[in-house]
Amino acid sequence: MAYLFDLVNGWNDAANSIATVVLTRVLRPVQAVILAALMNFVAFFILMLLLLP
C-alpha cells in the first residue's frame, strides 16, 4: 500500500515541478519533462539500493 501511495505521490510531485519551471520560463516544456523523468529514474534506483541491501 505504501508503494502505491509513493507512486501516486511521485506523479503529482513531478507534475507540480514541471508546471512550476515551465510557467516561470526557467526551462522549456521538453527540457522539464526530460529532467523530471531522469530524476524519477535516478530516485527509483537509489530507493532500490536502500531497500535491497
PDB file of N, CA and C in Angstrom:
ATOM      1  N   MET A   1       0.821  -1.191   0.000  1.00  0.00           N
ATOM      2  CA  MET A   1       0.000   0.000   0.000  1.00  0.00           C
ATOM      3  C   MET A   1       0.868   1.260   0.000  1.00  0.00           C
ATOM      4  N   ALA A   2       1.963   1.201   0.756  1.00  0.00           N
ATOM      5  CA  ALA A   2       2.852   2.359   0.824  1.00  0.00           C
ATOM      6  C   ALA A   2       3.515   2.632  -0.527  1.00  0.00           C
ATOM      7  N   TYR A   3       3.849   1.571  -1.252  1.00  0.00           N
ATOM      8  CA  TYR A   3       4.463   1.766  -2.563  1.00  0.00           C
ATOM      9  C   TYR A   3       3.485   2.426  -3.537  1.00  0.00           C
ATOM     10  N   LEU A   4       2.229   2.029  -3.456  1.00  0.00           N
ATOM     11  CA  LEU A   4       1.213   2.637  -4.313  1.00  0.00           C
ATOM     12  C   LEU A   4       1.049   4.121  -3.993  1.00  0.00           C
ATOM     13  N   PHE A   5       1.020   4.443  -2.707  1.00  0.00           N
ATOM     14  CA  PHE A   5       0.922   5.847  -2.310  1.00  0.00           C
ATOM     15  C   PHE A   5       2.127   6.634  -2.816  1.00  0.00           C
ATOM     16  N   ASP A   6       3.310   6.068  -2.679  1.00  0.00           N
ATOM     17  CA  ASP A   6       4.523   6.753  -3.123  1.00  0.00           C
ATOM     18  C   ASP A   6       4.519   6.957  -4.635  1.00  0.00           C
ATOM     19  N   LEU A   7       4.015   5.981  -5.364  1.00  0.00           N
ATOM     20  CA  LEU A   7       3.941   6.101  -6.819  1.00  0.00           C
ATOM     21  C   LEU A   7       3.012   7.239  -7.228  1.00  0.00           C
ATOM     22  N   VAL A   8       1.830   7.278  -6.641  1.00  0.00           N
ATOM     23  CA  VAL A   8       0.867   8.335  -6.970  1.00  0.00           C
ATOM     24  C   VAL A   8       1.389   9.691  -6.522  1.00  0.00           C
ATOM     25  N   ASN A   9       2.006   9.745  -5.364  1.00  0.00           N
ATOM     26  CA  ASN A   9       2.570  10.992  -4.863  1.00  0.00           C
ATOM     27  C   ASN A   9       3.693  11.482  -5.778  1.00  0.00           C
ATOM     28  N   GLY A  10       4.480  10.573  -6.298  1.00  0.00           N
ATOM     29  CA  GLY A  10       5.546  10.939  -7.230  1.00  0.00           C
ATOM     30  C   GLY A  10       5.010  11.532  -8.516  1.00  0.00           C
ATOM     31  N   TRP A  11       3.905  10.982  -9.005  1.00  0.00           N
ATOM     32  CA  TRP A  11       3.283  11.549 -10.208  1.00  0.00           C
ATOM     33  C   TRP A  11       2.858  12.985  -9.965  1.00  0.00           C
ATOM     34  N   ASN A  12       2.238  13.221  -8.820  1.00  0.00           N
ATOM     35  CA  ASN A  12       1.781  14.575  -8.507  1.00  0.00           C
ATOM     36  C   ASN A  12       2.953  15.527  -8.325  1.00  0.00           C
ATOM     37  N   ASP A  13       3.994  15.078  -7.655  1.00  0.00           N
ATOM     38  CA  ASP A  13       5.158  15.934  -7.447  1.00  0.00           C
ATOM     39  C   ASP A  13       5.843  16.267  -8.766  1.00  0.00           C
ATOM     40  N   ALA A  14       5.938  15.287  -9.642  1.00  0.00           N
ATOM     41  CA  ALA A  14       6.565  15.529 -10.942  1.00  0.00           C
ATOM     42  C   ALA A  14       5.764  16.546 -11.748  1.00  0.00           C
ATOM     43  N   ALA A  15       4.457  16.408 -11.730  1.00  0.00           N
ATOM     44  CA  ALA A  15       3.615  17.356 -12.467  1.00  0.00           C
ATOM     45  C   ALA A  15       3.739  18.762 -11.899  1.00  0.00           C
ATOM     46  N   ASN A  16       3.781  18.874 -10.590  1.00  0.00           N
ATOM     47  CA  ASN A  16       3.917  20.195  -9.968  1.00  0.00           C
ATOM     48  C   ASN A  16       5.270  20.821 -10.276  1.00  0.00           C
ATOM     49  N   SER A  17       6.327  20.031 -10.247  1.00  0.00           N
ATOM     50  CA  SER A  17       7.647  20.596 -10.527  1.00  0.00           C
ATOM     51  C   SER A  17       7.776  21.005 -11.991  1.00  0.00           C
ATOM     52  N   ILE A  18       7.185  20.241 -12.893  1.00  0.00           N
ATOM     53  CA  ILE A  18       7.220  20.600 -14.311  1.00  0.00           C
ATOM     54  C   ILE A  18       6.435  21.884 -14.546  1.00  0.00           C
ATOM     55  N   ALA A  19       5.258  21.978 -13.973  1.00  0.00           N
ATOM     56  CA  ALA A  19       4.427  23.169 -14.168  1.00  0.00           C
ATOM     57  C   ALA A  19       5.114  24.423 -13.649  1.00  0.00           C
ATOM     58  N   THR A  20       5.781  24.310 -12.517  1.00  0.00           N
ATOM     59  CA  THR A  20       6.437  25.475 -11.922  1.00  0.00           C
ATOM     60  C   THR A  20       7.554  26.006 -12.806  1.00  0.00           C
ATOM     61  N   VAL A  21       8.439  25.127 -13.264  1.00  0.00           N
ATOM     62  CA  VAL A  21       9.571  25.617 -14.058  1.00  0.00           C
ATOM     63  C   VAL A  21       9.159  26.048 -15.454  1.00  0.00           C
ATOM     64  N   VAL A  22       8.088  25.471 -15.990  1.00  0.00           N
ATOM     65  CA  VAL A  22       7.624  25.884 -17.320  1.00  0.00           C
ATOM     66  C   VAL A  22       6.924  27.235 -17.242  1.00  0.00           C
ATOM     67  N   LEU A  23       6.066  27.415 -16.248  1.00  0.00           N
ATOM     68  CA  LEU A  23       5.336  28.684 -16.135  1.00  0.00           C
ATOM     69  C   LEU A  23       6.248  29.859 -15.806  1.00  0.00           C
ATOM     70  N   THR A  24       7.332  29.611 -15.076  1.00  0.00           N
ATOM     71  CA  THR A  24       8.279  30.688 -14.773  1.00  0.00           C
ATOM     72  C   THR A  24       9.325  30.853 -15.871  1.00  0.00           C
ATOM     73  N   ARG A  25       9.211  30.037 -16.910  1.00  0.00           N
ATOM     74  CA  ARG A  25      10.105  30.078 -18.072  1.00  0.00           C
ATOM     75  C   ARG A  25      11.571  29.816 -17.733  1.00  0.00           C
ATOM     76  N   VAL A  26      11.785  29.002 -16.721  1.00  0.00           N
ATOM     77  CA  VAL A  26      13.145  28.584 -16.383  1.00  0.00           C
ATOM     78  C   VAL A  26      13.617  27.528 -17.375  1.00  0.00           C
ATOM     79  N   LEU A  27      12.720  26.592 -17.712  1.00  0.00           N
ATOM     80  CA  LEU A  27      13.018  25.550 -18.687  1.00  0.00           C
ATOM     81  C   LEU A  27      11.904  25.496 -19.722  1.00  0.00           C
ATOM     82  N   ARG A  28      12.245  24.988 -20.898  1.00  0.00           N
ATOM     83  CA  ARG A  28      11.225  24.716 -21.904  1.00  0.00           C
ATOM     84  C   ARG A  28      10.470  23.452 -21.488  1.00  0.00           C
ATOM     85  N   PRO A  29       9.246  23.265 -21.984  1.00  0.00           N
ATOM     86  CA  PRO A  29       8.467  22.087 -21.572  1.00  0.00           C
ATOM     87  C   PRO A  29       9.179  20.753 -21.807  1.00  0.00           C
ATOM     88  N   VAL A  30       9.814  20.602 -22.950  1.00  0.00           N
ATOM     89  CA  VAL A  30      10.504  19.339 -23.239  1.00  0.00           C
ATOM     90  C   VAL A  30      11.661  19.127 -22.266  1.00  0.00           C
ATOM     91  N   GLN A  31      12.410  20.177 -21.978  1.00  0.00           N
ATOM     92  CA  GLN A  31      13.513  20.065 -21.028  1.00  0.00           C
ATOM     93  C   GLN A  31      13.010  19.688 -19.639  1.00  0.00           C
ATOM     94  N   ALA A  32      11.910  20.282 -19.226  1.00  0.00           N
ATOM     95  CA  ALA A  32      11.358  19.999 -17.899  1.00  0.00           C
ATOM     96  C   ALA A  32      10.892  18.553 -17.792  1.00  0.00           C
ATOM     97  N   VAL A  33      10.246  18.045 -18.828  1.00  0.00           N
ATOM     98  CA  VAL A  33       9.770  16.657 -18.806  1.00  0.00           C
ATOM     99  C   VAL A  33      10.943  15.688 -18.791  1.00  0.00           C
ATOM    100  N   ILE A  34      11.955  15.957 -19.588  1.00  0.00           N
ATOM    101  CA  ILE A  34      13.134  15.088 -19.618  1.00  0.00           C
ATOM    102  C   ILE A  34      13.842  15.098 -18.270  1.00  0.00           C
ATOM    103  N   LEU A  35      13.999  16.260 -17.676  1.00  0.00           N
ATOM    104  CA  LEU A  35      14.650  16.359 -16.372  1.00  0.00           C
ATOM    105  C   LEU A  35      13.849  15.632 -15.297  1.00  0.00           C
ATOM    106  N   ALA A  36      12.539  15.787 -15.296  1.00  0.00           N
ATOM    107  CA  ALA A  36      11.695  15.100 -14.310  1.00  0.00           C
ATOM    108  C   ALA A  36      11.764  13.588 -14.491  1.00  0.00           C
ATOM    109  N   ALA A  37      11.737  13.125 -15.730  1.00  0.00           N
ATOM    110  CA  ALA A  37      11.820  11.688 -15.991  1.00  0.00           C
ATOM    111  C   ALA A  37      13.164  11.129 -15.546  1.00  0.00           C
ATOM    112  N   LEU A  38      14.224  11.850 -15.824  1.00  0.00           N
ATOM    113  CA  LEU A  38      15.556  11.411 -15.422  1.00  0.00           C
ATOM    114  C   LEU A  38      15.677  11.338 -13.904  1.00  0.00           C
ATOM    115  N   MET A  39      15.179  12.343 -13.212  1.00  0.00           N
ATOM    116  CA  MET A  39      15.275  12.355 -11.750  1.00  0.00           C
ATOM    117  C   MET A  39      14.405  11.268 -11.117  1.00  0.00           C
ATOM    118  N   ASN A  40      13.241  10.984 -11.699  1.00  0.00           N
ATOM    119  CA  ASN A  40      12.414   9.882 -11.195  1.00  0.00           C
ATOM    120  C   ASN A  40      13.105   8.543 -11.408  1.00  0.00           C
ATOM    121  N   PHE A  41      13.782   8.384 -12.530  1.00  0.00           N
ATOM    122  CA  PHE A  41      14.530   7.159 -12.819  1.00  0.00           C
ATOM    123  C   PHE A  41      15.666   6.984 -11.820  1.00  0.00           C
ATOM    124  N   VAL A  42      16.407   8.050 -11.554  1.00  0.00           N
ATOM    125  CA  VAL A  42      17.510   8.002 -10.592  1.00  0.00           C
ATOM    126  C   VAL A  42      16.980   7.713  -9.185  1.00  0.00           C
ATOM    127  N   ALA A  43      15.887   8.349  -8.812  1.00  0.00           N
ATOM    128  CA  ALA A  43      15.309   8.134  -7.480  1.00  0.00           C
ATOM    129  C   ALA A  43      14.868   6.684  -7.300  1.00  0.00           C
ATOM    130  N   PHE A  44      14.341   6.072  -8.343  1.00  0.00           N
ATOM    131  CA  PHE A  44      13.935   4.672  -8.258  1.00  0.00           C
ATOM    132  C   PHE A  44      15.132   3.787  -7.927  1.00  0.00           C
ATOM    133  N   PHE A  45      16.258   3.996  -8.594  1.00  0.00           N
ATOM    134  CA  PHE A  45      17.423   3.164  -8.339  1.00  0.00           C
ATOM    135  C   PHE A  45      18.037   3.439  -6.973  1.00  0.00           C
ATOM    136  N   ILE A  46      18.019   4.667  -6.531  1.00  0.00           N
ATOM    137  CA  ILE A  46      18.512   4.970  -5.185  1.00  0.00           C
ATOM    138  C   ILE A  46      17.633   4.282  -4.145  1.00  0.00           C
ATOM    139  N   LEU A  47      16.324   4.328  -4.331  1.00  0.00           N
ATOM    140  CA  LEU A  47      15.403   3.664  -3.412  1.00  0.00           C
ATOM    141  C   LEU A  47      15.637   2.157  -3.407  1.00  0.00           C
ATOM    142  N   MET A  48      15.850   1.563  -4.566  1.00  0.00           N
ATOM    143  CA  MET A  48      16.096   0.124  -4.625  1.00  0.00           C
ATOM    144  C   MET A  48      17.412  -0.239  -3.944  1.00  0.00           C
ATOM    145  N   LEU A  49      18.425   0.598  -4.073  1.00  0.00           N
ATOM    146  CA  LEU A  49      19.692   0.330  -3.390  1.00  0.00           C
ATOM    147  C   LEU A  49      19.528   0.393  -1.878  1.00  0.00           C
ATOM    148  N   LEU A  50      18.667   1.281  -1.409  1.00  0.00           N
ATOM    149  CA  LEU A  50      18.446   1.399   0.030  1.00  0.00           C
ATOM    150  C   LEU A  50      17.579   0.270   0.570  1.00  0.00           C
ATOM    151  N   LEU A  51      16.610  -0.190  -0.209  1.00  0.00           N
ATOM    152  CA  LEU A  51      15.694  -1.223   0.270  1.00  0.00           C
ATOM    153  C   LEU A  51      16.228  -2.633   0.084  1.00  0.00           C
ATOM    154  N   LEU A  52      17.082  -2.832  -0.891  1.00  0.00           N
ATOM    155  CA  LEU A  52      17.625  -4.166  -1.155  1.00  0.00           C
ATOM    156  C   LEU A  52      19.132  -4.176  -0.906  1.00  0.00           C
ATOM    157  N   PRO A  53      19.534  -4.369   0.343  1.00  0.00           N
ATOM    158  CA  PRO A  53      20.987  -4.310   0.657  1.00  0.00           C
ATOM    159  C   PRO A  53      21.768  -5.464   0.083  1.00  0.00           C
TER     160      PRO A  53
END
